[in-house]
Each structure stands twice: as structure tokens, then as C-alpha cells.
Amino acid sequence: MNSIKEASAVLRHRQFRSFWTGRVISSLGSAAAPIAVAFAALEAGGGVEWLGFILALNIAPQVLLLLVGGVLGDRVRRDRVMVAANAASGVVQVAMAILILTGEAELWMLATSVFLLGVASAFFQPASQGSIVQLVPPEQRVAANAVLRLPLNVAKVLGPALGGLVVALVGPGWALAFNACTFLLSVFFLASIRLPQPLKSKASGLSAFRTGWNEFSARRWYVIMVAQSTVTVLMWLVGFQLCGPVVSHSSLGGAFAWGLISGGFAFGLVGGSLVAVAVRPRRVGITVSLCLAAQALPLVALAFVAPIWVIVGAAVLAGIALDISIVSWSAFFQEQIPEGLQSRLSSISTFGQLLPVPIGYVLFGLLSGYVSNTVMVSLMSGILVVAALLPLLLPSIRQLRLGQMVDESMVGGGDPLLPDLLMRGAKGEGST
């Protein structure tokens, strides 16, 4: 009952409601789009190599431009950045949907469209991450993150199932047309937000980035956790987003089966939001690490082509765990990082997470011709578990708690080797 009251209190803020509505609407279409893109590429004659290349092109501009987007999000009104990014995404999806529906689409056109969507995302995400602290009071941030995550995850449940069904019945073009409409509708709601203009600074954009980088590197706990997610995100995205559709296409019945699996994962995300609101885990380091390790469950099920209900069940459990970690980490991040740095540090962490992903998509796409899916996805799941649990060897990570400010002088003492290994992972060296 207390959780319901907190959620209601958050939604009484008019601007947060507009932000919430715009995010939810665009998320519904975006949840259906990856299935449409994957099967549009496969139907256009592209194999695993092409699919890996297309996925890499979506991530590459985010890697290249996220740091620019982070600086922009701390220097320009964040609502304007979000509106421009979603408007551009809507226009791109309209064009791609028309090309597919008219039979004119080619693989290079699909690749170009996902690249442009990645550019828009590079500016949208840091601005969005930094907006919550401007929309609700500090004591409501945990509830605000959970209230936002819950409908986003409901959209992720409905989106893949709807997308898989639409692709199976009428083709991927209509799924992308739906995504275009949701982007453009979200612009209407986001345009009603009026966030404060960031304080003007005489410092250059490069100087602002350097300040953000210094603040990032000074927080050793943050560097370690970003290094952890660098490896786990790579293994998850390549194993689930690249290999998952291929396994579904060849062994599980096609787009509808993949829609069920993706929908099951998103259904788990909804459950994770509910658990996070009700339980509110305090031990952030332990919670995040254990929950990330659970992402290996659906990868193992896919590797051995388990029955569809087993894969869906594993995806549900992984979704529950992941969203608990996201809600807990988001609240901890907003608590520990000053408001004026949040877009920059968010973009730096996302940059670290995404840096090896385009290479991973292309590399594993090429390796698929020489290594079986069972071997490749099993290897990914093993690396994911090790990377997720490795930081728990550090007392400083095990002691991270929500509601307790980190004493930077005490972080990482007596752990000289492991942080170096984790930093190598953050740079895409060694373990990746």
C-alpha cells in the first residue's frame, strides 16, 4: 500500500507525467522495432554476418557521440534535446517503413536507418537520464525510477509480442511504421516539459568533458561497476540480440517464437520493477552483481535449444533480476552524483558499456560460420557470470549501500590488482 501511495505522489507532478507518458509511448514502438529490423534483414537475404553488421551500426554512433551527448545534456535544456532526438527518430522510421512496404528497401538502407537511430539515441539517453532529478524531489527519486521503469517494461512485454505477431502476419514494414508513430506522438508530450536552463559556463565543451572525466575517474567504485557492465553488456547483447533471433529463425519457428522470448524477458522486467518498489534492496553492489549474473540463464537455454517454455521462463527470471539491478543502480547513481554532472557521467558509463559492442557484433557474426551456436553462446554465458561476480571480491563493492554516501578515500584500499584487470575490461582489452 505504501508503494502505491509513493507512486501516486510521484505522478502528481505534471511535468513528470508528461515525461513519463512520452517515454512510455515511444518505448512501446521501440520494443517491437528490433524484431522487425532483424527479420527484415534476414528476409532481404542477409545472414548472421549482415545482422551483426546492422546491429553494430546501431551501437557505433552511440559509442562515438554519447560523450558529446552527455556534455550537451549538462549545458542545454534537456527537454529540447529529447524532443529533437525523438523527432529525428520518427522521421527515419517513417522513411524506412515506406521503403520496406513498397519493396524498395535494400540491406544498405536498413543499415543506414539504424545508424541514424543510434545517432539520435546518443543524444536522447544522457538527457533523459539527467531529467529525473529536475522533475521530482530527492526523496521521491527511487519511486520515480520504479514508476518509470514499470510501464516501460510493460511496453517491452507488449512490444516484442506485438512486433513478432505483426512481422509474422504482415511483415516488418508495418512494425516499423508503428514505431515511427510512437516516436512522433511522444514528441507531443515531451514538448510540454519545461526543464530549467543549465547554468551557463564559460568553459568549452572539451573542458566540460574533462571535468566530467575527472569526476568519473575519481570515483573508483563507479569505474569498477562500469567495467563490470562493459563485459556483461557485451556478452548479453551479442548472445541474446544477435544469436537469439538466429536460433529462433532456424530452430524455434521464426519471428513469433522470438517475440515470445523477448516478451517473456520484458515481462520479467515488469516483475522486477514491482519487486524493486516493494523491497528496495539496500546493498547495491551485491544486488547489481548477483542480478547481472542471472542474465546467463536464457543464454544457456538458447545455447542448447531448450524447449520454448524453458527459454521463455529463463528470460522472465533474467528480466526480473535485471530490472531490480537497474532500479537500484539508478537510485544510487542519482544519490551519489551531483545533478550538474549526471548527464556527463551517465554518457561516460554508457560509452564504456557500449565501446566493445559493435566489434563484438561483427566478430561473433563472422565466427558464427566456424563455431556452433551452442559453443559460442555457452562461452558468452560463462564470461558473463565471471564478470558479474568478480567485483564482489572487493569489500568496497560489497559495502555499497543505498542511503549512504560513498567515502571515496576508503574505496578500493588493498585491492591493487583486480581494479587494473577491471579497467582493462572497461577498455575492451583482455577479457573481451
Protein backbone atom coordinates (compact mmCIF):
# COMPACT_ATOMS: atom_id res chain seq x y z
CA MET A 1 0.00 0.00 0.00
CA ASN A 2 2.86 2.36 0.87
CA SER A 3 4.40 1.73 -2.58
CA ILE A 4 1.11 2.69 -4.27
CA LYS A 5 0.98 5.94 -2.29
CA GLU A 6 4.56 6.78 -3.28
CA ALA A 7 3.82 6.06 -6.94
CA SER A 8 0.72 8.28 -6.81
CA ALA A 9 2.72 11.08 -5.21
CA VAL A 10 5.31 10.97 -7.98
CA LEU A 11 2.67 11.08 -10.71
CA ARG A 12 1.10 14.20 -9.21
CA HIS A 13 3.98 16.19 -10.70
CA ARG A 14 2.58 17.37 -14.06
CA GLN A 15 5.92 17.59 -15.83
CA PHE A 16 6.94 14.13 -14.65
CA ARG A 17 3.64 12.78 -16.02
CA SER A 18 4.41 14.29 -19.43
CA PHE A 19 7.93 12.88 -19.36
CA TRP A 20 6.58 9.51 -18.23
CA THR A 21 3.92 9.42 -20.97
CA GLY A 22 6.32 10.38 -23.75
CA ARG A 23 8.85 7.78 -22.67
CA VAL A 24 6.26 5.01 -22.39
CA ILE A 25 4.70 5.70 -25.80
CA SER A 26 7.99 5.69 -27.69
CA SER A 27 9.15 2.63 -25.76
CA LEU A 28 6.18 0.58 -26.96
CA GLY A 29 7.13 1.05 -30.60
CA SER A 30 10.84 0.71 -29.95
CA ALA A 31 10.29 -2.65 -28.24
CA ALA A 32 8.77 -4.01 -31.46
CA ALA A 33 11.39 -2.50 -33.77
CA PRO A 34 14.37 -4.86 -33.11
CA ILE A 35 12.32 -7.87 -34.19
CA ALA A 36 11.24 -6.02 -37.34
CA VAL A 37 14.83 -4.99 -38.11
CA ALA A 38 16.24 -8.48 -37.53
CA PHE A 39 13.71 -10.24 -39.73
CA ALA A 40 13.74 -7.51 -42.37
CA ALA A 41 17.48 -8.13 -42.70
CA LEU A 42 17.04 -11.91 -42.81
CA GLU A 43 14.22 -11.68 -45.36
CA ALA A 44 16.31 -9.32 -47.51
CA GLY A 45 18.91 -12.05 -47.87
CA GLY A 46 21.26 -11.03 -45.10
CA GLY A 47 22.77 -13.76 -42.93
CA VAL A 48 24.22 -13.61 -39.44
CA GLU A 49 27.13 -11.53 -40.76
CA TRP A 50 24.79 -8.84 -42.11
CA LEU A 51 22.66 -8.90 -38.97
CA GLY A 52 25.76 -8.43 -36.84
CA PHE A 53 26.90 -5.57 -39.07
CA ILE A 54 23.50 -3.84 -38.85
CA LEU A 55 23.37 -4.19 -35.05
CA ALA A 56 26.91 -2.84 -34.86
CA LEU A 57 25.91 0.21 -36.91
CA ASN A 58 23.17 0.99 -34.39
CA ILE A 59 25.60 0.90 -31.49
CA ALA A 60 28.59 2.59 -33.18
CA PRO A 61 27.21 6.17 -33.25
CA GLN A 62 26.17 5.81 -29.63
CA VAL A 63 29.75 4.95 -28.77
CA LEU A 64 31.11 7.82 -30.87
CA LEU A 65 28.61 10.50 -29.83
CA LEU A 66 27.47 9.60 -26.31
CA LEU A 67 30.18 11.73 -24.73
CA VAL A 68 29.11 14.67 -26.87
CA GLY A 69 25.51 13.99 -25.88
CA GLY A 70 26.49 13.91 -22.23
CA VAL A 71 28.19 17.29 -22.40
CA LEU A 72 25.21 18.70 -24.32
CA GLY A 73 22.78 17.31 -21.74
CA ASP A 74 24.56 19.25 -18.98
CA ARG A 75 24.78 22.51 -20.98
CA VAL A 76 21.45 22.71 -22.93
CA ARG A 77 17.87 22.30 -21.76
CA ARG A 78 17.35 18.55 -21.62
CA ASP A 79 13.73 18.65 -22.77
CA ARG A 80 14.80 20.27 -26.07
CA VAL A 81 17.43 17.59 -26.65
CA MET A 82 14.88 14.81 -26.09
CA VAL A 83 12.30 16.40 -28.39
CA ALA A 84 14.80 16.84 -31.24
CA ALA A 85 16.14 13.29 -30.87
CA ASN A 86 12.72 11.61 -30.91
CA ALA A 87 11.50 13.75 -33.80
CA ALA A 88 14.52 12.71 -35.86
CA SER A 89 13.96 9.04 -34.94
CA GLY A 90 10.34 9.27 -36.05
CA VAL A 91 11.26 10.69 -39.45
CA VAL A 92 13.88 7.96 -40.01
CA GLN A 93 11.42 5.18 -39.15
CA VAL A 94 8.74 6.67 -41.45
CA ALA A 95 11.19 6.59 -44.35
CA MET A 96 12.30 3.02 -43.63
CA ALA A 97 8.75 1.74 -43.23
CA ILE A 98 7.78 3.23 -46.61
CA LEU A 99 10.80 1.65 -48.31
CA ILE A 100 10.03 -1.79 -46.87
CA LEU A 101 6.30 -1.60 -47.62
CA THR A 102 6.95 -0.56 -51.21
CA GLY A 103 9.53 -3.31 -51.72
CA GLU A 104 12.34 -0.85 -52.36
CA ALA A 105 14.36 -1.47 -49.20
CA GLU A 106 17.85 -2.90 -49.51
CA LEU A 107 20.23 -4.02 -46.79
CA TRP A 108 22.36 -0.87 -47.02
CA MET A 109 19.23 1.26 -46.49
CA LEU A 110 18.32 -0.72 -43.38
CA ALA A 111 21.88 -0.31 -42.13
CA THR A 112 21.73 3.46 -42.72
CA SER A 113 18.45 3.80 -40.84
CA VAL A 114 19.67 2.00 -37.74
CA PHE A 115 22.84 4.11 -37.81
CA LEU A 116 20.77 7.31 -37.76
CA LEU A 117 18.61 5.95 -34.94
CA GLY A 118 21.80 5.30 -32.99
CA VAL A 119 22.84 8.93 -33.51
CA ALA A 120 19.52 10.14 -32.07
CA SER A 121 19.80 7.75 -29.12
CA ALA A 122 23.28 9.06 -28.31
CA PHE A 123 21.74 12.45 -27.55
CA PHE A 124 18.45 11.27 -26.06
CA GLN A 125 19.73 8.90 -23.39
CA PRO A 126 22.05 11.23 -21.41
CA ALA A 127 19.43 13.99 -21.46
CA SER A 128 16.75 11.57 -20.28
CA GLN A 129 18.94 10.17 -17.50
CA GLY A 130 19.63 13.64 -16.16
CA SER A 131 16.00 14.79 -16.32
CA ILE A 132 14.53 12.84 -13.39
CA VAL A 133 16.46 14.83 -10.79
CA GLN A 134 14.89 18.01 -12.24
CA LEU A 135 11.37 16.59 -12.25
CA VAL A 136 10.89 15.18 -8.73
CA PRO A 137 12.21 15.96 -5.22
CA PRO A 138 15.21 13.92 -3.95
CA GLU A 139 13.10 11.82 -1.56
CA GLN A 140 10.95 10.60 -4.48
CA ARG A 141 13.71 9.53 -6.87
CA VAL A 142 13.61 5.81 -6.03
CA ALA A 143 9.84 5.78 -6.55
CA ALA A 144 10.19 7.88 -9.74
CA ASN A 145 12.70 5.44 -11.24
CA ALA A 146 10.49 2.47 -10.41
CA VAL A 147 7.31 4.21 -11.62
CA LEU A 148 9.07 4.97 -14.91
CA ARG A 149 10.57 1.52 -15.29
CA LEU A 150 7.30 -0.31 -14.68
CA PRO A 151 5.33 0.99 -17.72
CA LEU A 152 8.46 0.98 -19.87
CA ASN A 153 8.76 -2.69 -19.10
CA VAL A 154 5.06 -3.31 -19.74
CA ALA A 155 5.67 -1.74 -23.15
CA LYS A 156 8.59 -4.11 -23.61
CA VAL A 157 6.28 -7.04 -22.87
CA LEU A 158 3.64 -5.93 -25.35
CA GLY A 159 6.09 -4.63 -27.96
CA PRO A 160 8.00 -7.83 -28.79
CA ALA A 161 4.88 -9.99 -28.75
CA LEU A 162 3.04 -7.47 -30.94
CA GLY A 163 6.09 -6.99 -33.16
CA GLY A 164 6.59 -10.73 -33.62
CA LEU A 165 2.92 -11.18 -34.47
CA VAL A 166 2.87 -8.25 -36.92
CA VAL A 167 6.07 -9.40 -38.61
CA ALA A 168 4.73 -12.94 -38.90
CA LEU A 169 1.36 -11.81 -40.33
CA VAL A 170 2.08 -8.76 -42.50
CA GLY A 171 5.83 -8.21 -42.49
CA PRO A 172 8.35 -5.93 -40.75
CA GLY A 173 7.36 -2.71 -42.56
CA TRP A 174 4.17 -2.23 -40.53
CA ALA A 175 6.04 -2.80 -37.26
CA LEU A 176 8.46 -0.01 -38.19
CA ALA A 177 5.55 2.22 -39.22
CA PHE A 178 4.07 1.70 -35.75
CA ASN A 179 7.41 2.61 -34.17
CA ALA A 180 7.52 5.81 -36.24
CA CYS A 181 4.08 6.84 -34.97
CA THR A 182 5.07 6.27 -31.35
CA PHE A 183 8.20 8.40 -31.73
CA LEU A 184 6.24 11.29 -33.22
CA LEU A 185 3.45 11.04 -30.64
CA SER A 186 5.99 11.07 -27.80
CA VAL A 187 7.32 14.39 -29.13
CA PHE A 188 3.94 15.97 -28.33
CA PHE A 189 4.23 15.07 -24.64
CA LEU A 190 7.95 15.78 -24.25
CA ALA A 191 7.46 19.22 -25.84
CA SER A 192 5.18 20.20 -22.93
CA ILE A 193 8.05 19.88 -20.45
CA ARG A 194 9.98 22.98 -19.41
CA LEU A 195 13.14 21.99 -17.62
CA PRO A 196 15.48 24.61 -16.13
CA GLN A 197 18.22 26.02 -18.32
CA PRO A 198 21.58 24.70 -17.04
CA LEU A 199 23.84 27.32 -15.52
CA LYS A 200 25.88 28.99 -18.21
CA SER A 201 29.53 28.11 -18.20
CA LYS A 202 32.40 29.89 -19.90
CA ALA A 203 34.23 26.59 -20.12
CA SER A 204 34.46 24.95 -23.54
CA GLY A 205 32.75 21.66 -24.32
CA LEU A 206 36.12 19.91 -24.16
CA SER A 207 36.81 21.42 -20.76
CA ALA A 208 33.37 20.33 -19.56
CA PHE A 209 34.12 16.79 -20.72
CA ARG A 210 37.47 16.81 -18.93
CA THR A 211 35.72 17.86 -15.73
CA GLY A 212 33.26 15.00 -16.16
CA TRP A 213 36.06 12.53 -16.84
CA ASN A 214 37.98 13.65 -13.76
CA GLU A 215 34.84 13.25 -11.63
CA PHE A 216 34.29 9.78 -13.12
CA SER A 217 37.84 8.55 -12.59
CA ALA A 218 37.90 9.91 -9.03
CA ARG A 219 35.09 7.51 -8.08
CA ARG A 220 36.83 4.15 -8.10
CA TRP A 221 33.65 2.29 -7.17
CA TYR A 222 31.97 3.76 -10.25
CA VAL A 223 34.87 2.80 -12.55
CA ILE A 224 34.74 -0.79 -11.26
CA MET A 225 31.00 -1.13 -11.76
CA VAL A 226 31.21 0.35 -15.27
CA ALA A 227 33.98 -2.14 -16.09
CA GLN A 228 31.74 -4.93 -14.82
CA SER A 229 28.86 -3.85 -17.03
CA THR A 230 31.15 -3.40 -20.03
CA VAL A 231 31.75 -7.13 -20.18
CA THR A 232 28.28 -8.27 -19.12
CA VAL A 233 26.51 -5.94 -21.57
CA LEU A 234 28.69 -7.20 -24.43
CA MET A 235 28.01 -10.86 -23.64
CA TRP A 236 24.29 -10.23 -23.15
CA LEU A 237 23.72 -8.17 -26.29
CA VAL A 238 25.69 -10.45 -28.57
CA GLY A 239 24.28 -13.63 -27.04
CA PHE A 240 20.65 -12.52 -26.84
CA GLN A 241 20.14 -9.86 -29.52
CA LEU A 242 22.39 -11.39 -32.20
CA CYS A 243 22.26 -15.13 -31.61
CA GLY A 244 18.71 -15.23 -30.24
CA PRO A 245 16.90 -14.30 -33.50
CA VAL A 246 19.16 -16.65 -35.45
CA VAL A 247 18.35 -19.61 -33.17
CA SER A 248 14.65 -18.72 -33.34
CA HIS A 249 14.75 -18.42 -37.12
CA SER A 250 16.49 -21.77 -37.59
CA SER A 251 15.19 -23.95 -34.75
CA LEU A 252 12.22 -22.43 -32.89
CA GLY A 253 9.74 -21.43 -35.60
CA GLY A 254 10.73 -17.88 -36.51
CA ALA A 255 9.62 -14.38 -35.55
CA PHE A 256 6.70 -15.30 -33.32
CA ALA A 257 8.86 -17.57 -31.14
CA TRP A 258 11.41 -14.80 -30.75
CA GLY A 259 8.60 -12.40 -29.90
CA LEU A 260 7.51 -14.74 -27.09
CA ILE A 261 11.06 -14.98 -25.73
CA SER A 262 11.63 -11.22 -25.90
CA GLY A 263 8.20 -10.64 -24.40
CA GLY A 264 8.99 -13.05 -21.58
CA PHE A 265 12.16 -11.13 -20.80
CA ALA A 266 10.24 -7.86 -20.78
CA PHE A 267 7.52 -9.43 -18.61
CA GLY A 268 10.26 -10.23 -16.13
CA LEU A 269 11.36 -6.59 -16.24
CA VAL A 270 7.85 -5.62 -15.13
CA GLY A 271 8.07 -8.03 -12.21
CA GLY A 272 11.48 -6.64 -11.33
CA SER A 273 10.06 -3.11 -11.14
CA LEU A 274 7.35 -4.26 -8.75
CA VAL A 275 9.87 -6.10 -6.58
CA ALA A 276 12.23 -3.11 -6.54
CA VAL A 277 9.44 -0.77 -5.39
CA ALA A 278 8.26 -3.16 -2.68
CA VAL A 279 11.60 -4.45 -1.38
CA ARG A 280 14.08 -1.63 -2.14
CA PRO A 281 17.35 -3.58 -1.86
CA ARG A 282 19.88 -1.52 0.09
CA ARG A 283 23.08 -3.46 -0.69
CA VAL A 284 23.56 -2.04 -4.17
CA GLY A 285 26.91 -3.67 -5.02
CA ILE A 286 25.74 -7.16 -4.09
CA THR A 287 22.31 -6.71 -5.66
CA VAL A 288 23.64 -5.49 -9.01
CA SER A 289 26.31 -8.19 -9.25
CA LEU A 290 24.02 -11.12 -8.46
CA CYS A 291 21.28 -9.82 -10.74
CA LEU A 292 23.67 -9.36 -13.65
CA ALA A 293 24.88 -12.95 -13.23
CA ALA A 294 21.28 -14.12 -13.68
CA GLN A 295 21.37 -12.82 -17.28
CA ALA A 296 23.20 -16.02 -18.20
CA LEU A 297 20.05 -18.13 -17.71
CA PRO A 298 18.37 -17.51 -21.09
CA LEU A 299 21.72 -17.65 -22.87
CA VAL A 300 22.29 -21.20 -21.60
CA ALA A 301 18.74 -22.17 -22.62
CA LEU A 302 19.28 -20.73 -26.11
CA ALA A 303 22.69 -22.38 -26.45
CA PHE A 304 21.20 -25.85 -26.03
CA VAL A 305 17.95 -25.01 -27.90
CA ALA A 306 15.81 -25.88 -24.90
CA PRO A 307 12.02 -26.14 -25.29
CA ILE A 308 10.43 -22.75 -25.90
CA TRP A 309 8.75 -22.66 -22.48
CA VAL A 310 12.11 -23.21 -20.78
CA ILE A 311 13.72 -20.37 -22.73
CA VAL A 312 10.79 -18.05 -22.01
CA GLY A 313 10.92 -18.95 -18.29
CA ALA A 314 14.66 -18.27 -18.15
CA ALA A 315 14.10 -14.95 -19.92
CA VAL A 316 11.44 -13.99 -17.35
CA LEU A 317 13.83 -14.68 -14.46
CA ALA A 318 16.61 -12.73 -16.18
CA GLY A 319 14.25 -9.81 -16.71
CA ILE A 320 13.21 -9.73 -13.06
CA ALA A 321 16.82 -9.71 -11.94
CA LEU A 322 17.93 -7.09 -14.45
CA ASP A 323 15.26 -4.57 -13.56
CA ILE A 324 15.93 -4.90 -9.85
CA SER A 325 19.55 -4.04 -10.60
CA ILE A 326 18.59 -1.11 -12.88
CA VAL A 327 16.21 0.50 -10.39
CA SER A 328 18.66 0.04 -7.51
CA TRP A 329 21.60 1.38 -9.52
CA SER A 330 19.67 4.35 -10.94
CA ALA A 331 18.64 5.50 -7.47
CA PHE A 332 22.19 5.01 -6.16
CA PHE A 333 23.67 6.94 -9.11
CA GLN A 334 21.26 9.85 -8.61
CA GLU A 335 22.06 9.87 -4.91
CA GLN A 336 25.85 9.83 -5.28
CA ILE A 337 26.39 12.03 -8.37
CA PRO A 338 25.70 15.81 -8.29
CA GLU A 339 22.89 16.95 -10.60
CA GLY A 340 25.14 19.05 -12.84
CA LEU A 341 27.34 16.02 -13.62
CA GLN A 342 24.73 13.37 -14.20
CA SER A 343 24.41 13.61 -17.99
CA ARG A 344 28.18 13.58 -18.46
CA LEU A 345 28.86 10.68 -16.08
CA SER A 346 25.90 8.77 -17.47
CA SER A 347 27.26 9.18 -21.00
CA ILE A 348 30.76 8.14 -19.92
CA SER A 349 29.44 4.96 -18.28
CA THR A 350 27.26 4.12 -21.27
CA PHE A 351 30.22 4.80 -23.56
CA GLY A 352 32.26 2.28 -21.57
CA GLN A 353 29.47 -0.27 -21.75
CA LEU A 354 28.92 0.09 -25.48
CA LEU A 355 32.52 0.56 -26.65
CA PRO A 356 33.24 -3.12 -27.46
CA VAL A 357 29.71 -3.97 -28.63
CA PRO A 358 29.98 -3.04 -32.35
CA ILE A 359 33.21 -5.02 -32.63
CA GLY A 360 31.56 -7.89 -30.77
CA TYR A 361 28.59 -7.94 -33.13
CA VAL A 362 30.80 -8.06 -36.20
CA LEU A 363 33.35 -10.50 -34.74
CA PHE A 364 30.83 -13.01 -33.41
CA GLY A 365 28.79 -12.67 -36.60
CA LEU A 366 31.86 -13.74 -38.57
CA LEU A 367 32.72 -16.52 -36.09
CA SER A 368 29.23 -17.98 -36.46
CA GLY A 369 30.34 -19.57 -39.71
CA TYR A 370 33.04 -21.57 -37.90
CA VAL A 371 31.69 -22.16 -34.38
CA SER A 372 28.34 -23.64 -33.43
CA ASN A 373 25.75 -21.55 -31.61
CA THR A 374 25.96 -23.93 -28.64
CA VAL A 375 29.68 -23.37 -28.15
CA MET A 376 29.57 -19.63 -28.81
CA VAL A 377 26.60 -18.79 -26.57
CA SER A 378 27.84 -21.12 -23.80
CA LEU A 379 31.16 -19.27 -23.82
CA MET A 380 29.34 -15.93 -23.60
CA SER A 381 27.25 -17.06 -20.63
CA GLY A 382 30.35 -18.24 -18.76
CA ILE A 383 32.21 -14.96 -19.31
CA LEU A 384 29.10 -13.04 -18.24
CA VAL A 385 28.84 -14.85 -14.91
CA VAL A 386 32.53 -14.38 -14.10
CA ALA A 387 32.45 -10.67 -14.97
CA ALA A 388 29.27 -10.11 -12.94
CA LEU A 389 30.58 -11.76 -9.77
CA LEU A 390 34.25 -10.68 -9.91
CA PRO A 391 33.70 -7.24 -8.28
CA LEU A 392 32.24 -8.93 -5.19
CA LEU A 393 35.80 -9.95 -4.29
CA LEU A 394 36.28 -6.28 -3.33
CA PRO A 395 34.96 -5.31 0.14
CA SER A 396 34.39 -1.77 -1.14
CA ILE A 397 31.88 -3.02 -3.71
CA ARG A 398 30.12 -5.32 -1.28
CA GLN A 399 29.67 -2.35 1.07
CA LEU A 400 27.94 -0.03 -1.42
CA ARG A 401 24.59 0.87 0.15
CA LEU A 402 21.63 2.99 -0.86
CA GLY A 403 21.23 5.92 1.53
CA GLN A 404 24.92 6.01 2.46
CA MET A 405 27.32 8.36 0.70
CA VAL A 406 30.50 6.66 -0.50
CA ASP A 407 33.71 7.72 1.20
CA GLU A 408 36.00 7.94 -1.81
CA SER A 409 39.13 7.75 0.33
CA MET A 410 38.11 4.30 1.54
CA VAL A 411 37.19 2.76 -1.80
CA GLY A 412 39.40 0.03 -3.22
CA GLY A 413 42.02 0.03 -0.48
CA GLY A 414 44.14 -3.12 -0.52
CA ASP A 415 42.85 -4.29 -3.93
CA PRO A 416 45.63 -3.27 -6.34
CA LEU A 417 45.34 -5.99 -8.99
CA LEU A 418 41.63 -6.54 -9.53
CA PRO A 419 40.76 -2.91 -10.39
CA ASP A 420 43.51 -2.96 -13.01
CA LEU A 421 42.00 -6.06 -14.59
CA LEU A 422 38.57 -4.49 -14.49
CA MET A 423 39.88 -1.31 -16.10
CA ARG A 424 41.35 -3.45 -18.88
CA GLY A 425 37.88 -4.89 -19.36
CA ALA A 426 36.39 -1.37 -19.50
CA LYS A 427 38.77 -0.52 -22.32
CA GLY A 428 37.86 -3.65 -24.27
CA GLU A 429 41.17 -5.37 -23.51
CA GLY A 430 41.91 -8.86 -22.31
CA SER A 431 38.66 -10.34 -21.07
CA THR A 432 36.58 -9.22 -24.03
